[in-house]
Amino acid sequence: MRKSLVVLGILGCCWACQPLVGEQSGKKIIAQVFDKLLYLDQVQEFIPDGTSVEDSLLMLDAYTQRWIREALMLHIAEENISEAWRIEELVEDYRASLVRHNYEQVLVEELLDSTITTEELNTFYERNKAQYELETTIVRCDLIKLSNNVRLPNSFDEWWKQGKKAQLVISNWVVL
């Protein structure tokens, strides 16, 4: 019940919050949701140069409507979220994590020499040969060598394809 009231409230506010046209500190305000303002210059950077007037207006309206919905949803969420979430703490932790990650990326790019010479590769291989030994066989071959004039029985092809261990006597040859 509460969810449906919140959704109805959001939808009602979206239609009620019509874009405003005003000026504040020399910037044109095109929308306001509670204390958040959307300025025309913020939207203009998303409209490519050379776009027709009609298309620009459509893009401006779509961006503004989406911004209004998102700002309204954020305002309602901020009012209804419990203090147990400690949002500021989480934001600071995430910020620190992003800064640390970006710094590590810069260090890796600056300090890591990614060129490996053939000599270095061979030296590494020689020192670590034990790591490259296989524990199990990865190739199994069945080989039969027959002279050109040997005639195979019809059942041989079936046995070969099925991989059955069968003993065949072909002329004077024994095949296992």
C-alpha atoms as a PDB file:
ATOM      1  CA  MET A   1       0.000   0.000   0.000  1.00  0.00           C
ATOM      2  CA  ARG A   2       2.780   2.385   0.953  1.00  0.00           C
ATOM      3  CA  LYS A   3       4.700   1.584  -2.251  1.00  0.00           C
ATOM      4  CA  SER A   4       1.694   2.396  -4.409  1.00  0.00           C
ATOM      5  CA  LEU A   5       1.213   5.722  -2.585  1.00  0.00           C
ATOM      6  CA  VAL A   6       4.862   6.603  -3.158  1.00  0.00           C
ATOM      7  CA  VAL A   7       4.605   5.707  -6.857  1.00  0.00           C
ATOM      8  CA  LEU A   8       1.403   7.750  -7.210  1.00  0.00           C
ATOM      9  CA  GLY A   9       3.064  10.640  -5.405  1.00  0.00           C
ATOM     10  CA  ILE A  10       6.078  10.495  -7.719  1.00  0.00           C
ATOM     11  CA  LEU A  11       3.930  10.384 -10.827  1.00  0.00           C
ATOM     12  CA  GLY A  12       1.789  13.247  -9.555  1.00  0.00           C
ATOM     13  CA  CYS A  13       4.812  15.375  -8.805  1.00  0.00           C
ATOM     14  CA  CYS A  14       6.347  14.607 -12.212  1.00  0.00           C
ATOM     15  CA  TRP A  15       3.312  16.046 -13.951  1.00  0.00           C
ATOM     16  CA  ALA A  16       3.029  18.891 -11.437  1.00  0.00           C
ATOM     17  CA  CYS A  17       6.688  19.932 -11.724  1.00  0.00           C
ATOM     18  CA  GLN A  18       6.657  21.805 -14.995  1.00  0.00           C
ATOM     19  CA  PRO A  19       9.943  23.249 -16.179  1.00  0.00           C
ATOM     20  CA  LEU A  20      10.570  26.757 -14.938  1.00  0.00           C
ATOM     21  CA  VAL A  21      12.158  29.524 -16.929  1.00  0.00           C
ATOM     22  CA  GLY A  22      13.968  32.050 -14.825  1.00  0.00           C
ATOM     23  CA  GLU A  23      17.357  33.508 -14.147  1.00  0.00           C
ATOM     24  CA  GLN A  24      19.646  33.178 -11.192  1.00  0.00           C
ATOM     25  CA  SER A  25      23.202  34.467 -11.173  1.00  0.00           C
ATOM     26  CA  GLY A  26      23.036  35.023 -14.942  1.00  0.00           C
ATOM     27  CA  LYS A  27      22.123  31.401 -15.712  1.00  0.00           C
ATOM     28  CA  LYS A  28      18.760  30.366 -17.116  1.00  0.00           C
ATOM     29  CA  ILE A  29      16.902  27.946 -14.844  1.00  0.00           C
ATOM     30  CA  ILE A  30      14.784  25.504 -16.809  1.00  0.00           C
ATOM     31  CA  ALA A  31      13.596  23.226 -13.976  1.00  0.00           C
ATOM     32  CA  GLN A  32      13.506  23.102 -10.192  1.00  0.00           C
ATOM     33  CA  VAL A  33      12.674  20.214  -7.887  1.00  0.00           C
ATOM     34  CA  PHE A  34      12.685  21.313  -4.253  1.00  0.00           C
ATOM     35  CA  ASP A  35      16.166  22.793  -3.725  1.00  0.00           C
ATOM     36  CA  LYS A  36      17.753  21.362  -6.890  1.00  0.00           C
ATOM     37  CA  LEU A  37      18.016  23.499 -10.012  1.00  0.00           C
ATOM     38  CA  LEU A  38      18.643  22.502 -13.621  1.00  0.00           C
ATOM     39  CA  TYR A  39      20.289  25.178 -15.750  1.00  0.00           C
ATOM     40  CA  LEU A  40      20.069  25.497 -19.511  1.00  0.00           C
ATOM     41  CA  ASP A  41      23.851  25.339 -19.945  1.00  0.00           C
ATOM     42  CA  GLN A  42      23.895  21.909 -18.220  1.00  0.00           C
ATOM     43  CA  VAL A  43      21.511  20.538 -20.845  1.00  0.00           C
ATOM     44  CA  GLN A  44      23.099  22.277 -23.830  1.00  0.00           C
ATOM     45  CA  GLU A  45      26.287  20.228 -23.512  1.00  0.00           C
ATOM     46  CA  PHE A  46      24.264  17.079 -24.307  1.00  0.00           C
ATOM     47  CA  ILE A  47      22.760  18.519 -27.504  1.00  0.00           C
ATOM     48  CA  PRO A  48      25.121  18.034 -30.477  1.00  0.00           C
ATOM     49  CA  ASP A  49      26.032  21.007 -32.653  1.00  0.00           C
ATOM     50  CA  GLY A  50      24.067  21.247 -35.887  1.00  0.00           C
ATOM     51  CA  THR A  51      20.902  19.706 -34.409  1.00  0.00           C
ATOM     52  CA  SER A  52      17.691  21.222 -35.799  1.00  0.00           C
ATOM     53  CA  VAL A  53      15.553  23.433 -33.558  1.00  0.00           C
ATOM     54  CA  GLU A  54      12.752  20.845 -33.380  1.00  0.00           C
ATOM     55  CA  ASP A  55      15.152  18.057 -32.445  1.00  0.00           C
ATOM     56  CA  SER A  56      16.916  20.290 -29.919  1.00  0.00           C
ATOM     57  CA  LEU A  57      13.608  21.083 -28.236  1.00  0.00           C
ATOM     58  CA  LEU A  58      12.670  17.399 -28.129  1.00  0.00           C
ATOM     59  CA  MET A  59      16.043  16.504 -26.617  1.00  0.00           C
ATOM     60  CA  LEU A  60      15.790  19.383 -24.128  1.00  0.00           C
ATOM     61  CA  ASP A  61      12.295  18.308 -23.067  1.00  0.00           C
ATOM     62  CA  ALA A  62      13.258  14.622 -22.741  1.00  0.00           C
ATOM     63  CA  TYR A  63      16.374  15.426 -20.703  1.00  0.00           C
ATOM     64  CA  THR A  64      14.452  17.847 -18.478  1.00  0.00           C
ATOM     65  CA  GLN A  65      11.625  15.390 -17.813  1.00  0.00           C
ATOM     66  CA  ARG A  66      14.100  12.637 -16.958  1.00  0.00           C
ATOM     67  CA  TRP A  67      16.044  15.007 -14.683  1.00  0.00           C
ATOM     68  CA  ILE A  68      12.824  16.003 -12.894  1.00  0.00           C
ATOM     69  CA  ARG A  69      11.834  12.368 -12.302  1.00  0.00           C
ATOM     70  CA  GLU A  70      15.318  11.451 -11.024  1.00  0.00           C
ATOM     71  CA  ALA A  71      15.571  14.523  -8.773  1.00  0.00           C
ATOM     72  CA  LEU A  72      12.113  13.856  -7.349  1.00  0.00           C
ATOM     73  CA  MET A  73      12.882  10.182  -6.732  1.00  0.00           C
ATOM     74  CA  LEU A  74      16.156  11.139  -5.036  1.00  0.00           C
ATOM     75  CA  HIS A  75      14.381  13.666  -2.797  1.00  0.00           C
ATOM     76  CA  ILE A  76      11.725  11.142  -1.739  1.00  0.00           C
ATOM     77  CA  ALA A  77      14.384   8.470  -1.153  1.00  0.00           C
ATOM     78  CA  GLU A  78      16.464  10.847   0.985  1.00  0.00           C
ATOM     79  CA  GLU A  79      13.398  11.686   3.098  1.00  0.00           C
ATOM     80  CA  ASN A  80      12.433   8.044   3.609  1.00  0.00           C
ATOM     81  CA  ILE A  81      15.815   6.358   4.039  1.00  0.00           C
ATOM     82  CA  SER A  82      16.731   5.388   7.559  1.00  0.00           C
ATOM     83  CA  GLU A  83      19.784   6.824   9.270  1.00  0.00           C
ATOM     84  CA  ALA A  84      21.114   3.279   9.680  1.00  0.00           C
ATOM     85  CA  TRP A  85      22.327   3.392   6.088  1.00  0.00           C
ATOM     86  CA  ARG A  86      25.064   5.926   6.929  1.00  0.00           C
ATOM     87  CA  ILE A  87      25.061   7.198   3.335  1.00  0.00           C
ATOM     88  CA  GLU A  88      27.837   9.743   3.859  1.00  0.00           C
ATOM     89  CA  GLU A  89      30.106   7.051   5.290  1.00  0.00           C
ATOM     90  CA  LEU A  90      29.374   4.734   2.366  1.00  0.00           C
ATOM     91  CA  VAL A  91      30.000   7.533  -0.136  1.00  0.00           C
ATOM     92  CA  GLU A  92      33.333   8.378   1.520  1.00  0.00           C
ATOM     93  CA  ASP A  93      34.375   4.682   1.508  1.00  0.00           C
ATOM     94  CA  TYR A  94      33.462   4.379  -2.158  1.00  0.00           C
ATOM     95  CA  ARG A  95      35.300   7.608  -2.983  1.00  0.00           C
ATOM     96  CA  ALA A  96      38.422   6.362  -1.186  1.00  0.00           C
ATOM     97  CA  SER A  97      38.182   3.064  -3.046  1.00  0.00           C
ATOM     98  CA  LEU A  98      37.927   4.844  -6.418  1.00  0.00           C
ATOM     99  CA  VAL A  99      40.866   7.134  -5.637  1.00  0.00           C
ATOM    100  CA  ARG A 100      42.992   4.180  -4.482  1.00  0.00           C
ATOM    101  CA  HIS A 101      42.082   2.134  -7.571  1.00  0.00           C
ATOM    102  CA  ASN A 102      42.903   4.984  -9.958  1.00  0.00           C
ATOM    103  CA  TYR A 103      46.216   5.623  -8.179  1.00  0.00           C
ATOM    104  CA  GLU A 104      47.114   1.928  -8.454  1.00  0.00           C
ATOM    105  CA  GLN A 105      46.307   2.034 -12.177  1.00  0.00           C
ATOM    106  CA  VAL A 106      48.608   5.041 -12.629  1.00  0.00           C
ATOM    107  CA  LEU A 107      51.401   3.305 -10.701  1.00  0.00           C
ATOM    108  CA  VAL A 108      51.045   0.138 -12.746  1.00  0.00           C
ATOM    109  CA  GLU A 109      51.147   2.082 -16.008  1.00  0.00           C
ATOM    110  CA  GLU A 110      54.175   4.128 -14.944  1.00  0.00           C
ATOM    111  CA  LEU A 111      56.264   1.534 -13.116  1.00  0.00           C
ATOM    112  CA  LEU A 112      55.452  -1.768 -14.768  1.00  0.00           C
ATOM    113  CA  ASP A 113      57.613  -2.630 -17.737  1.00  0.00           C
ATOM    114  CA  SER A 114      55.463  -4.935 -19.823  1.00  0.00           C
ATOM    115  CA  THR A 115      58.113  -5.850 -22.374  1.00  0.00           C
ATOM    116  CA  ILE A 116      59.508  -9.303 -21.772  1.00  0.00           C
ATOM    117  CA  THR A 117      62.474 -10.436 -23.790  1.00  0.00           C
ATOM    118  CA  THR A 118      62.853 -13.972 -25.068  1.00  0.00           C
ATOM    119  CA  GLU A 119      65.875 -14.400 -22.818  1.00  0.00           C
ATOM    120  CA  GLU A 120      63.862 -13.418 -19.708  1.00  0.00           C
ATOM    121  CA  LEU A 121      61.091 -15.808 -20.755  1.00  0.00           C
ATOM    122  CA  ASN A 122      63.529 -18.686 -21.237  1.00  0.00           C
ATOM    123  CA  THR A 123      65.238 -17.963 -17.905  1.00  0.00           C
ATOM    124  CA  PHE A 124      61.899 -17.961 -16.120  1.00  0.00           C
ATOM    125  CA  TYR A 125      60.914 -21.234 -17.789  1.00  0.00           C
ATOM    126  CA  GLU A 126      64.194 -22.929 -16.873  1.00  0.00           C
ATOM    127  CA  ARG A 127      63.840 -21.880 -13.217  1.00  0.00           C
ATOM    128  CA  ASN A 128      60.215 -23.025 -13.010  1.00  0.00           C
ATOM    129  CA  LYS A 129      60.148 -26.163 -15.160  1.00  0.00           C
ATOM    130  CA  ALA A 130      58.514 -28.179 -12.400  1.00  0.00           C
ATOM    131  CA  GLN A 131      55.405 -25.984 -12.604  1.00  0.00           C
ATOM    132  CA  TYR A 132      54.912 -26.912 -16.251  1.00  0.00           C
ATOM    133  CA  GLU A 133      54.960 -30.698 -15.890  1.00  0.00           C
ATOM    134  CA  LEU A 134      51.669 -32.378 -16.677  1.00  0.00           C
ATOM    135  CA  GLU A 135      50.065 -34.635 -14.116  1.00  0.00           C
ATOM    136  CA  THR A 136      48.042 -36.519 -16.700  1.00  0.00           C
ATOM    137  CA  THR A 137      48.444 -37.335 -20.356  1.00  0.00           C
ATOM    138  CA  ILE A 138      46.760 -34.894 -22.671  1.00  0.00           C
ATOM    139  CA  VAL A 139      47.320 -36.755 -25.948  1.00  0.00           C
ATOM    140  CA  ARG A 140      46.570 -40.371 -26.736  1.00  0.00           C
ATOM    141  CA  CYS A 141      47.399 -41.796 -30.146  1.00  0.00           C
ATOM    142  CA  ASP A 142      46.323 -44.996 -31.771  1.00  0.00           C
ATOM    143  CA  LEU A 143      48.503 -45.798 -34.728  1.00  0.00           C
ATOM    144  CA  ILE A 144      48.286 -48.615 -37.164  1.00  0.00           C
ATOM    145  CA  LYS A 145      50.763 -49.092 -39.921  1.00  0.00           C
ATOM    146  CA  LEU A 146      49.588 -51.297 -42.742  1.00  0.00           C
ATOM    147  CA  SER A 147      51.007 -52.078 -46.099  1.00  0.00           C
ATOM    148  CA  ASN A 148      49.072 -50.792 -49.108  1.00  0.00           C
ATOM    149  CA  ASN A 149      47.858 -54.203 -50.245  1.00  0.00           C
ATOM    150  CA  VAL A 150      46.199 -55.157 -46.926  1.00  0.00           C
ATOM    151  CA  ARG A 151      42.443 -55.420 -47.108  1.00  0.00           C
ATOM    152  CA  LEU A 152      40.582 -54.440 -43.926  1.00  0.00           C
ATOM    153  CA  PRO A 153      37.389 -56.160 -42.804  1.00  0.00           C
ATOM    154  CA  ASN A 154      34.204 -54.007 -42.790  1.00  0.00           C
ATOM    155  CA  SER A 155      33.909 -54.184 -39.002  1.00  0.00           C
ATOM    156  CA  PHE A 156      37.333 -52.558 -38.544  1.00  0.00           C
ATOM    157  CA  ASP A 157      36.029 -49.023 -39.186  1.00  0.00           C
ATOM    158  CA  GLU A 158      33.308 -49.473 -36.552  1.00  0.00           C
ATOM    159  CA  TRP A 159      35.771 -50.781 -33.984  1.00  0.00           C
ATOM    160  CA  TRP A 160      38.175 -47.940 -34.694  1.00  0.00           C
ATOM    161  CA  LYS A 161      35.502 -45.202 -34.386  1.00  0.00           C
ATOM    162  CA  GLN A 162      34.110 -46.693 -31.175  1.00  0.00           C
ATOM    163  CA  GLY A 163      37.584 -46.946 -29.681  1.00  0.00           C
ATOM    164  CA  LYS A 164      37.037 -50.542 -28.636  1.00  0.00           C
ATOM    165  CA  LYS A 165      40.010 -52.617 -27.695  1.00  0.00           C
ATOM    166  CA  ALA A 166      39.733 -55.458 -30.129  1.00  0.00           C
ATOM    167  CA  GLN A 167      42.247 -57.779 -31.538  1.00  0.00           C
ATOM    168  CA  LEU A 168      42.149 -58.097 -35.272  1.00  0.00           C
ATOM    169  CA  VAL A 169      44.175 -60.372 -37.362  1.00  0.00           C
ATOM    170  CA  ILE A 170      44.719 -58.862 -40.787  1.00  0.00           C
ATOM    171  CA  SER A 171      46.782 -61.005 -43.049  1.00  0.00           C
ATOM    172  CA  ASN A 172      49.826 -61.580 -40.850  1.00  0.00           C
ATOM    173  CA  TRP A 173      49.371 -58.426 -38.756  1.00  0.00           C
ATOM    174  CA  VAL A 174      47.966 -58.298 -35.264  1.00  0.00           C
ATOM    175  CA  VAL A 175      46.219 -55.067 -34.307  1.00  0.00           C
ATOM    176  CA  LEU A 176      45.383 -54.309 -30.676  1.00  0.00           C
END
